[in-house]
Amino acid sequence: MRAEGLPVLQPVILSWNLRNNLDSPSSHLPGAFCIGGSGLGEYPVDCWKPFLLEIPASGTKKDIAGRTSHAFGVSLPSTQWNTRRTVLLPLFSNGDRLSLEGLKAVVRHWPDAVAEEMPCLAVAEKVTGYYGEDREVQNVAVLLIWGDGTARLVTLDWSEGSLEDCVTPEWFVQSSPLLNLRAAVGDFERVHANVSWSRPSFRIYTLPDCLGNLLEGSPSPSTYQFWRREWRYRDAPAMKTDLSRLLSEVRQIFSIEGGG
């Protein structure tokens, strides 16, 4: 399942294992680069509380407590996260300094040197906008990639609640089965194909940071723990064009030719 029961890993063990498993570590990993441990993965969503990268047992999870309370006079408890089913993500230090060749070396040795159950790469795509009575909505899709070339797509739909209870957001999380990389990339490329919200904005995030060096334009710093830089786009086609370029390189890292 690749989420349950994985302990938080310590930075000294991660970095030592990785560097000592490379044939020529100094030629691939700059001295400032290291893996500073791991933590419970989170979506890059603008909200007052974290939304975890959980893999729900049923494949989906939702919370509409605010809407139910006002529509039917029934107060439901908020949905709780299951940390045992939450994907751990690596905490890279100076990840923007790693070259593409260095990244390939990291991926190649990841299952043995770091952690077979933890993703080595991730790409997130976020679209925000407004609907209805000017209520904010955010949709985030995250492509999680493991060192053996398997992948999973997880998505979060988040929206402001009703006007009567605007402080209680409504959200829906969905996870795909574990897929081969080609299939997962294909599904990821089809996300956000049609966006009908008003005043939409488009962003891409990468883990580690150096993956984003394959994108055009200059990134802006972000406040998220794992997603430290963001690339903003004027419209969906511009984002999709850049994303396609990035995913093509990701396929090459795993020696997968062609599209998804």
C-alpha atoms as a PDB file:
ATOM      1  CA  MET A   1       0.000   0.000   0.000  1.00  0.00           C
ATOM      2  CA  ARG A   2       3.027   2.261   0.495  1.00  0.00           C
ATOM      3  CA  ALA A   3       1.863   4.471   3.298  1.00  0.00           C
ATOM      4  CA  GLU A   4       1.098   2.490   6.424  1.00  0.00           C
ATOM      5  CA  GLY A   5       3.497   1.937   9.299  1.00  0.00           C
ATOM      6  CA  LEU A   6       6.612   3.566   7.806  1.00  0.00           C
ATOM      7  CA  PRO A   7       8.717   5.126  10.568  1.00  0.00           C
ATOM      8  CA  VAL A   8      10.043   8.658  10.296  1.00  0.00           C
ATOM      9  CA  LEU A   9      13.591   8.333   9.015  1.00  0.00           C
ATOM     10  CA  GLN A  10      16.584  10.085  10.469  1.00  0.00           C
ATOM     11  CA  PRO A  11      18.703  12.482   8.362  1.00  0.00           C
ATOM     12  CA  VAL A  12      22.119  11.042   9.277  1.00  0.00           C
ATOM     13  CA  ILE A  13      21.095   7.529   8.205  1.00  0.00           C
ATOM     14  CA  LEU A  14      19.516   8.739   4.954  1.00  0.00           C
ATOM     15  CA  SER A  15      22.433  10.870   3.812  1.00  0.00           C
ATOM     16  CA  TRP A  16      25.114   8.372   4.858  1.00  0.00           C
ATOM     17  CA  ASN A  17      23.365   5.493   3.088  1.00  0.00           C
ATOM     18  CA  LEU A  18      22.849   7.465  -0.097  1.00  0.00           C
ATOM     19  CA  ARG A  19      26.375   8.832  -0.357  1.00  0.00           C
ATOM     20  CA  ASN A  20      27.994   5.478   0.405  1.00  0.00           C
ATOM     21  CA  ASN A  21      25.933   3.611  -2.152  1.00  0.00           C
ATOM     22  CA  LEU A  22      26.904   5.864  -5.056  1.00  0.00           C
ATOM     23  CA  ASP A  23      29.832   4.729  -7.187  1.00  0.00           C
ATOM     24  CA  SER A  24      31.299   8.232  -7.171  1.00  0.00           C
ATOM     25  CA  PRO A  25      29.269  10.348  -4.730  1.00  0.00           C
ATOM     26  CA  SER A  26      31.283  13.552  -5.025  1.00  0.00           C
ATOM     27  CA  SER A  27      30.654  13.700  -8.770  1.00  0.00           C
ATOM     28  CA  HIS A  28      26.877  13.456  -8.352  1.00  0.00           C
ATOM     29  CA  LEU A  29      25.960  14.993  -5.007  1.00  0.00           C
ATOM     30  CA  PRO A  30      27.102  18.536  -4.138  1.00  0.00           C
ATOM     31  CA  GLY A  31      28.413  18.878  -0.606  1.00  0.00           C
ATOM     32  CA  ALA A  32      25.475  21.040   0.491  1.00  0.00           C
ATOM     33  CA  PHE A  33      22.865  18.519  -0.696  1.00  0.00           C
ATOM     34  CA  CYS A  34      21.432  16.029   1.762  1.00  0.00           C
ATOM     35  CA  ILE A  35      18.189  14.378   2.799  1.00  0.00           C
ATOM     36  CA  GLY A  36      17.301  15.935   6.130  1.00  0.00           C
ATOM     37  CA  GLY A  37      14.871  13.252   7.262  1.00  0.00           C
ATOM     38  CA  SER A  38      11.221  12.744   6.385  1.00  0.00           C
ATOM     39  CA  GLY A  39       7.780  13.834   7.484  1.00  0.00           C
ATOM     40  CA  LEU A  40       4.085  13.297   6.923  1.00  0.00           C
ATOM     41  CA  GLY A  41       3.349  14.493   3.400  1.00  0.00           C
ATOM     42  CA  GLU A  42       1.015  17.452   2.884  1.00  0.00           C
ATOM     43  CA  TYR A  43      -0.823  18.975  -0.064  1.00  0.00           C
ATOM     44  CA  PRO A  44       0.350  22.460  -1.120  1.00  0.00           C
ATOM     45  CA  VAL A  45      -3.015  24.007  -0.296  1.00  0.00           C
ATOM     46  CA  ASP A  46      -3.679  27.480   1.133  1.00  0.00           C
ATOM     47  CA  CYS A  47      -5.525  26.782   4.354  1.00  0.00           C
ATOM     48  CA  TRP A  48      -5.166  27.367   8.076  1.00  0.00           C
ATOM     49  CA  LYS A  49      -4.555  23.662   8.763  1.00  0.00           C
ATOM     50  CA  PRO A  50      -2.542  20.962   6.951  1.00  0.00           C
ATOM     51  CA  PHE A  51      -4.163  18.503   4.554  1.00  0.00           C
ATOM     52  CA  LEU A  52      -2.234  15.238   4.664  1.00  0.00           C
ATOM     53  CA  LEU A  53      -1.297  13.058   1.697  1.00  0.00           C
ATOM     54  CA  GLU A  54      -3.356  10.185   3.015  1.00  0.00           C
ATOM     55  CA  ILE A  55      -4.126   7.066   0.997  1.00  0.00           C
ATOM     56  CA  PRO A  56      -7.692   6.339   2.180  1.00  0.00           C
ATOM     57  CA  ALA A  57      -8.509   2.665   2.710  1.00  0.00           C
ATOM     58  CA  SER A  58     -11.585   3.012   0.467  1.00  0.00           C
ATOM     59  CA  GLY A  59      -9.793   5.221  -2.065  1.00  0.00           C
ATOM     60  CA  THR A  60     -11.751   8.351  -1.087  1.00  0.00           C
ATOM     61  CA  LYS A  61     -12.362  10.554   1.948  1.00  0.00           C
ATOM     62  CA  LYS A  62     -14.464  13.676   2.459  1.00  0.00           C
ATOM     63  CA  ASP A  63     -15.705  16.230   4.978  1.00  0.00           C
ATOM     64  CA  ILE A  64     -18.939  18.211   4.493  1.00  0.00           C
ATOM     65  CA  ALA A  65     -19.707  18.736   8.177  1.00  0.00           C
ATOM     66  CA  GLY A  66     -20.375  22.481   7.805  1.00  0.00           C
ATOM     67  CA  ARG A  67     -22.919  22.019   5.019  1.00  0.00           C
ATOM     68  CA  THR A  68     -24.779  19.250   6.859  1.00  0.00           C
ATOM     69  CA  SER A  69     -25.013  21.249  10.072  1.00  0.00           C
ATOM     70  CA  HIS A  70     -26.805  24.176   8.446  1.00  0.00           C
ATOM     71  CA  ALA A  71     -28.892  22.311   5.897  1.00  0.00           C
ATOM     72  CA  PHE A  72     -30.305  19.637   8.186  1.00  0.00           C
ATOM     73  CA  GLY A  73     -29.622  20.881  11.701  1.00  0.00           C
ATOM     74  CA  VAL A  74     -27.361  17.894  12.309  1.00  0.00           C
ATOM     75  CA  SER A  75     -23.894  18.442  13.714  1.00  0.00           C
ATOM     76  CA  LEU A  76     -21.426  15.863  12.406  1.00  0.00           C
ATOM     77  CA  PRO A  77     -17.886  15.404  13.728  1.00  0.00           C
ATOM     78  CA  SER A  78     -15.113  16.567  11.435  1.00  0.00           C
ATOM     79  CA  THR A  79     -13.347  13.868   9.451  1.00  0.00           C
ATOM     80  CA  GLN A  80     -10.017  12.922  11.003  1.00  0.00           C
ATOM     81  CA  TRP A  81      -6.795  12.090   9.179  1.00  0.00           C
ATOM     82  CA  ASN A  82      -5.199   8.662   9.528  1.00  0.00           C
ATOM     83  CA  THR A  83      -1.476   9.290   9.917  1.00  0.00           C
ATOM     84  CA  ARG A  84      -0.714   5.577   9.516  1.00  0.00           C
ATOM     85  CA  ARG A  85      -2.050   5.803   5.963  1.00  0.00           C
ATOM     86  CA  THR A  86      -0.277   9.068   5.181  1.00  0.00           C
ATOM     87  CA  VAL A  87       2.636   9.007   2.744  1.00  0.00           C
ATOM     88  CA  LEU A  88       5.982  10.122   4.125  1.00  0.00           C
ATOM     89  CA  LEU A  89       7.941  12.559   1.976  1.00  0.00           C
ATOM     90  CA  PRO A  90      11.693  13.179   2.127  1.00  0.00           C
ATOM     91  CA  LEU A  91      12.968  16.521   3.406  1.00  0.00           C
ATOM     92  CA  PHE A  92      15.689  17.613   0.997  1.00  0.00           C
ATOM     93  CA  SER A  93      18.260  20.239   1.946  1.00  0.00           C
ATOM     94  CA  ASN A  94      19.589  22.357  -0.953  1.00  0.00           C
ATOM     95  CA  GLY A  95      17.633  20.199  -3.367  1.00  0.00           C
ATOM     96  CA  ASP A  96      17.825  22.944  -6.003  1.00  0.00           C
ATOM     97  CA  ARG A  97      21.591  22.379  -6.314  1.00  0.00           C
ATOM     98  CA  LEU A  98      21.280  18.821  -7.541  1.00  0.00           C
ATOM     99  CA  SER A  99      21.897  18.330 -11.256  1.00  0.00           C
ATOM    100  CA  LEU A 100      19.773  16.118 -13.488  1.00  0.00           C
ATOM    101  CA  GLU A 101      22.546  13.510 -13.536  1.00  0.00           C
ATOM    102  CA  GLY A 102      22.768  13.708  -9.765  1.00  0.00           C
ATOM    103  CA  LEU A 103      19.020  13.223  -9.511  1.00  0.00           C
ATOM    104  CA  LYS A 104      19.231  10.146 -11.732  1.00  0.00           C
ATOM    105  CA  ALA A 105      21.887   8.716  -9.413  1.00  0.00           C
ATOM    106  CA  VAL A 106      19.714   9.403  -6.369  1.00  0.00           C
ATOM    107  CA  VAL A 107      16.704   7.692  -7.967  1.00  0.00           C
ATOM    108  CA  ARG A 108      18.759   4.694  -9.092  1.00  0.00           C
ATOM    109  CA  HIS A 109      19.982   3.982  -5.554  1.00  0.00           C
ATOM    110  CA  TRP A 110      16.858   5.103  -3.696  1.00  0.00           C
ATOM    111  CA  PRO A 111      15.221   1.725  -2.844  1.00  0.00           C
ATOM    112  CA  ASP A 112      18.388   0.286  -1.304  1.00  0.00           C
ATOM    113  CA  ALA A 113      20.038   3.404   0.127  1.00  0.00           C
ATOM    114  CA  VAL A 114      17.094   5.408   1.423  1.00  0.00           C
ATOM    115  CA  ALA A 115      13.672   3.809   1.802  1.00  0.00           C
ATOM    116  CA  GLU A 116      11.823   1.534  -0.591  1.00  0.00           C
ATOM    117  CA  GLU A 117       8.462   2.608   0.853  1.00  0.00           C
ATOM    118  CA  MET A 118       9.000   6.372   0.515  1.00  0.00           C
ATOM    119  CA  PRO A 119       8.561   8.270  -2.795  1.00  0.00           C
ATOM    120  CA  CYS A 120      11.730   9.668  -4.304  1.00  0.00           C
ATOM    121  CA  LEU A 121      10.037  12.215  -6.601  1.00  0.00           C
ATOM    122  CA  ALA A 122       6.776  14.134  -6.562  1.00  0.00           C
ATOM    123  CA  VAL A 123       5.107  16.730  -8.769  1.00  0.00           C
ATOM    124  CA  ALA A 124       2.076  18.781  -7.706  1.00  0.00           C
ATOM    125  CA  GLU A 125      -0.286  20.816  -9.864  1.00  0.00           C
ATOM    126  CA  LYS A 126      -2.670  23.319  -8.254  1.00  0.00           C
ATOM    127  CA  VAL A 127      -5.549  25.310  -9.706  1.00  0.00           C
ATOM    128  CA  THR A 128      -7.415  27.882  -7.629  1.00  0.00           C
ATOM    129  CA  GLY A 129     -10.419  30.047  -8.442  1.00  0.00           C
ATOM    130  CA  TYR A 130     -13.892  31.138  -7.340  1.00  0.00           C
ATOM    131  CA  TYR A 131     -17.394  29.779  -7.849  1.00  0.00           C
ATOM    132  CA  GLY A 132     -20.959  30.457  -6.734  1.00  0.00           C
ATOM    133  CA  GLU A 133     -21.171  33.413  -4.380  1.00  0.00           C
ATOM    134  CA  ASP A 134     -17.467  34.215  -4.766  1.00  0.00           C
ATOM    135  CA  ARG A 135     -16.354  31.268  -2.687  1.00  0.00           C
ATOM    136  CA  GLU A 136     -12.772  30.093  -3.087  1.00  0.00           C
ATOM    137  CA  VAL A 137     -11.983  26.650  -4.486  1.00  0.00           C
ATOM    138  CA  GLN A 138      -8.664  24.822  -4.769  1.00  0.00           C
ATOM    139  CA  ASN A 139      -7.848  21.586  -6.533  1.00  0.00           C
ATOM    140  CA  VAL A 140      -4.447  19.954  -6.050  1.00  0.00           C
ATOM    141  CA  ALA A 141      -3.185  16.848  -7.845  1.00  0.00           C
ATOM    142  CA  VAL A 142       0.022  15.181  -6.660  1.00  0.00           C
ATOM    143  CA  LEU A 143       1.967  12.565  -8.609  1.00  0.00           C
ATOM    144  CA  LEU A 144       3.970  10.390  -6.191  1.00  0.00           C
ATOM    145  CA  ILE A 145       6.791   8.330  -7.723  1.00  0.00           C
ATOM    146  CA  TRP A 146       8.732   5.531  -6.020  1.00  0.00           C
ATOM    147  CA  GLY A 147      12.246   4.355  -6.803  1.00  0.00           C
ATOM    148  CA  ASP A 148      11.058   1.186  -8.554  1.00  0.00           C
ATOM    149  CA  GLY A 149       9.053   3.208 -11.098  1.00  0.00           C
ATOM    150  CA  THR A 150       5.625   2.695  -9.566  1.00  0.00           C
ATOM    151  CA  ALA A 151       3.457   5.756  -8.953  1.00  0.00           C
ATOM    152  CA  ARG A 152       0.205   6.943  -7.465  1.00  0.00           C
ATOM    153  CA  LEU A 153      -2.012   9.971  -8.174  1.00  0.00           C
ATOM    154  CA  VAL A 154      -3.718  11.642  -5.214  1.00  0.00           C
ATOM    155  CA  THR A 155      -6.040  14.652  -5.471  1.00  0.00           C
ATOM    156  CA  LEU A 156      -7.645  17.131  -3.109  1.00  0.00           C
ATOM    157  CA  ASP A 157     -10.759  19.177  -3.885  1.00  0.00           C
ATOM    158  CA  TRP A 158     -11.106  21.986  -1.334  1.00  0.00           C
ATOM    159  CA  SER A 159     -13.733  24.721  -1.223  1.00  0.00           C
ATOM    160  CA  GLU A 160     -15.020  27.317   1.168  1.00  0.00           C
ATOM    161  CA  GLY A 161     -18.182  26.204   2.910  1.00  0.00           C
ATOM    162  CA  SER A 162     -21.600  27.807   2.733  1.00  0.00           C
ATOM    163  CA  LEU A 163     -22.027  31.478   3.587  1.00  0.00           C
ATOM    164  CA  GLU A 164     -23.586  30.436   6.887  1.00  0.00           C
ATOM    165  CA  ASP A 165     -20.453  28.498   7.804  1.00  0.00           C
ATOM    166  CA  CYS A 166     -17.654  29.877   5.663  1.00  0.00           C
ATOM    167  CA  VAL A 167     -15.008  28.921   8.233  1.00  0.00           C
ATOM    168  CA  THR A 168     -15.637  25.184   7.687  1.00  0.00           C
ATOM    169  CA  PRO A 169     -14.241  24.107   4.319  1.00  0.00           C
ATOM    170  CA  GLU A 170     -15.602  21.170   2.385  1.00  0.00           C
ATOM    171  CA  TRP A 171     -13.071  18.767   0.948  1.00  0.00           C
ATOM    172  CA  PHE A 172     -12.776  15.521  -0.951  1.00  0.00           C
ATOM    173  CA  VAL A 173      -9.620  13.383  -1.281  1.00  0.00           C
ATOM    174  CA  GLN A 174      -9.147  10.631  -3.831  1.00  0.00           C
ATOM    175  CA  SER A 175      -6.289   8.210  -4.475  1.00  0.00           C
ATOM    176  CA  SER A 176      -5.575   6.048  -7.485  1.00  0.00           C
ATOM    177  CA  PRO A 177      -4.343   2.469  -7.136  1.00  0.00           C
ATOM    178  CA  LEU A 178      -0.599   1.937  -7.358  1.00  0.00           C
ATOM    179  CA  LEU A 179       0.194   2.216 -11.085  1.00  0.00           C
ATOM    180  CA  ASN A 180       3.118   1.891 -13.419  1.00  0.00           C
ATOM    181  CA  LEU A 181       4.709   5.251 -14.168  1.00  0.00           C
ATOM    182  CA  ARG A 182       3.438   5.463 -17.747  1.00  0.00           C
ATOM    183  CA  ALA A 183      -0.203   5.060 -16.666  1.00  0.00           C
ATOM    184  CA  ALA A 184       0.133   7.425 -13.708  1.00  0.00           C
ATOM    185  CA  VAL A 185       1.755  10.150 -15.817  1.00  0.00           C
ATOM    186  CA  GLY A 186      -1.030   9.819 -18.385  1.00  0.00           C
ATOM    187  CA  ASP A 187      -3.682  10.275 -15.697  1.00  0.00           C
ATOM    188  CA  PHE A 188      -1.790  13.218 -14.211  1.00  0.00           C
ATOM    189  CA  GLU A 189      -1.574  14.995 -17.569  1.00  0.00           C
ATOM    190  CA  ARG A 190      -5.359  14.791 -17.953  1.00  0.00           C
ATOM    191  CA  VAL A 191      -6.086  16.489 -14.620  1.00  0.00           C
ATOM    192  CA  HIS A 192      -7.413  20.067 -14.920  1.00  0.00           C
ATOM    193  CA  ALA A 193      -8.151  19.661 -18.617  1.00  0.00           C
ATOM    194  CA  ASN A 194     -11.285  21.801 -18.199  1.00  0.00           C
ATOM    195  CA  VAL A 195     -11.407  24.559 -15.594  1.00  0.00           C
ATOM    196  CA  SER A 196     -14.591  26.641 -15.414  1.00  0.00           C
ATOM    197  CA  TRP A 197     -14.011  28.683 -12.252  1.00  0.00           C
ATOM    198  CA  SER A 198     -13.717  32.453 -12.352  1.00  0.00           C
ATOM    199  CA  ARG A 199     -10.340  34.169 -11.875  1.00  0.00           C
ATOM    200  CA  PRO A 200      -8.366  30.902 -12.030  1.00  0.00           C
ATOM    201  CA  SER A 201      -4.651  30.675 -11.229  1.00  0.00           C
ATOM    202  CA  PHE A 202      -2.278  27.812 -12.028  1.00  0.00           C
ATOM    203  CA  ARG A 203       0.813  26.533 -10.193  1.00  0.00           C
ATOM    204  CA  ILE A 204       3.344  23.682 -10.293  1.00  0.00           C
ATOM    205  CA  TYR A 205       5.485  22.380  -7.410  1.00  0.00           C
ATOM    206  CA  THR A 206       8.257  19.759  -7.436  1.00  0.00           C
ATOM    207  CA  LEU A 207      10.086  17.524  -4.978  1.00  0.00           C
ATOM    208  CA  PRO A 208      13.028  17.779  -4.897  1.00  0.00           C
ATOM    209  CA  ASP A 209      13.445  21.398  -5.964  1.00  0.00           C
ATOM    210  CA  CYS A 210      15.867  20.528  -8.771  1.00  0.00           C
ATOM    211  CA  LEU A 211      13.048  18.886 -10.754  1.00  0.00           C
ATOM    212  CA  GLY A 212      11.648  22.373 -11.193  1.00  0.00           C
ATOM    213  CA  ASN A 213      14.833  23.455 -12.977  1.00  0.00           C
ATOM    214  CA  LEU A 214      13.370  21.658 -15.988  1.00  0.00           C
ATOM    215  CA  LEU A 215      10.485  24.165 -16.070  1.00  0.00           C
ATOM    216  CA  GLU A 216      10.605  27.499 -17.841  1.00  0.00           C
ATOM    217  CA  GLY A 217      10.440  30.773 -16.000  1.00  0.00           C
ATOM    218  CA  SER A 218      11.553  31.825 -12.545  1.00  0.00           C
ATOM    219  CA  PRO A 219       9.983  30.265  -9.458  1.00  0.00           C
ATOM    220  CA  SER A 220       8.763  32.085  -6.386  1.00  0.00           C
ATOM    221  CA  PRO A 221       9.473  30.868  -2.855  1.00  0.00           C
ATOM    222  CA  SER A 222       6.557  29.194  -1.099  1.00  0.00           C
ATOM    223  CA  THR A 223       5.732  28.640   2.565  1.00  0.00           C
ATOM    224  CA  TYR A 224       5.081  24.895   2.323  1.00  0.00           C
ATOM    225  CA  GLN A 225       7.355  22.474   4.159  1.00  0.00           C
ATOM    226  CA  PHE A 226       8.014  20.124   1.250  1.00  0.00           C
ATOM    227  CA  TRP A 227       7.083  22.304  -1.733  1.00  0.00           C
ATOM    228  CA  ARG A 228       9.547  25.162  -1.353  1.00  0.00           C
ATOM    229  CA  ARG A 229       9.193  26.777  -4.782  1.00  0.00           C
ATOM    230  CA  GLU A 230       6.205  27.396  -7.038  1.00  0.00           C
ATOM    231  CA  TRP A 231       5.854  28.187 -10.729  1.00  0.00           C
ATOM    232  CA  ARG A 232       2.856  30.328 -11.686  1.00  0.00           C
ATOM    233  CA  TYR A 233       1.116  30.368 -15.072  1.00  0.00           C
ATOM    234  CA  ARG A 234      -1.345  32.697 -16.779  1.00  0.00           C
ATOM    235  CA  ASP A 235      -3.569  29.885 -18.055  1.00  0.00           C
ATOM    236  CA  ALA A 236      -4.001  26.118 -18.231  1.00  0.00           C
ATOM    237  CA  PRO A 237      -2.355  25.636 -21.675  1.00  0.00           C
ATOM    238  CA  ALA A 238       0.816  27.382 -20.515  1.00  0.00           C
ATOM    239  CA  MET A 239       0.958  25.216 -17.400  1.00  0.00           C
ATOM    240  CA  LYS A 240       0.241  22.024 -19.322  1.00  0.00           C
ATOM    241  CA  THR A 241       2.943  22.762 -21.894  1.00  0.00           C
ATOM    242  CA  ASP A 242       5.541  23.221 -19.181  1.00  0.00           C
ATOM    243  CA  LEU A 243       4.277  20.212 -17.244  1.00  0.00           C
ATOM    244  CA  SER A 244       4.522  18.015 -20.334  1.00  0.00           C
ATOM    245  CA  ARG A 245       8.175  19.013 -20.726  1.00  0.00           C
ATOM    246  CA  LEU A 246       8.875  18.139 -17.100  1.00  0.00           C
ATOM    247  CA  LEU A 247       7.087  14.786 -17.213  1.00  0.00           C
ATOM    248  CA  SER A 248       8.969  13.840 -20.367  1.00  0.00           C
ATOM    249  CA  GLU A 249      12.216  14.230 -18.415  1.00  0.00           C
ATOM    250  CA  VAL A 250      10.777  12.237 -15.515  1.00  0.00           C
ATOM    251  CA  ARG A 251      10.026   9.372 -17.901  1.00  0.00           C
ATOM    252  CA  GLN A 252      13.613   9.558 -19.137  1.00  0.00           C
ATOM    253  CA  ILE A 253      14.929   9.288 -15.586  1.00  0.00           C
ATOM    254  CA  PHE A 254      13.157   5.926 -15.374  1.00  0.00           C
ATOM    255  CA  SER A 255      14.000   5.104 -19.035  1.00  0.00           C
ATOM    256  CA  ILE A 256      10.384   5.138 -20.164  1.00  0.00           C
ATOM    257  CA  GLU A 257       9.951   6.313 -23.725  1.00  0.00           C
ATOM    258  CA  GLY A 258       6.917   8.074 -25.152  1.00  0.00           C
ATOM    259  CA  GLY A 259       3.785   9.460 -23.596  1.00  0.00           C
ATOM    260  CA  GLY A 260       1.495   8.124 -20.920  1.00  0.00           C
END
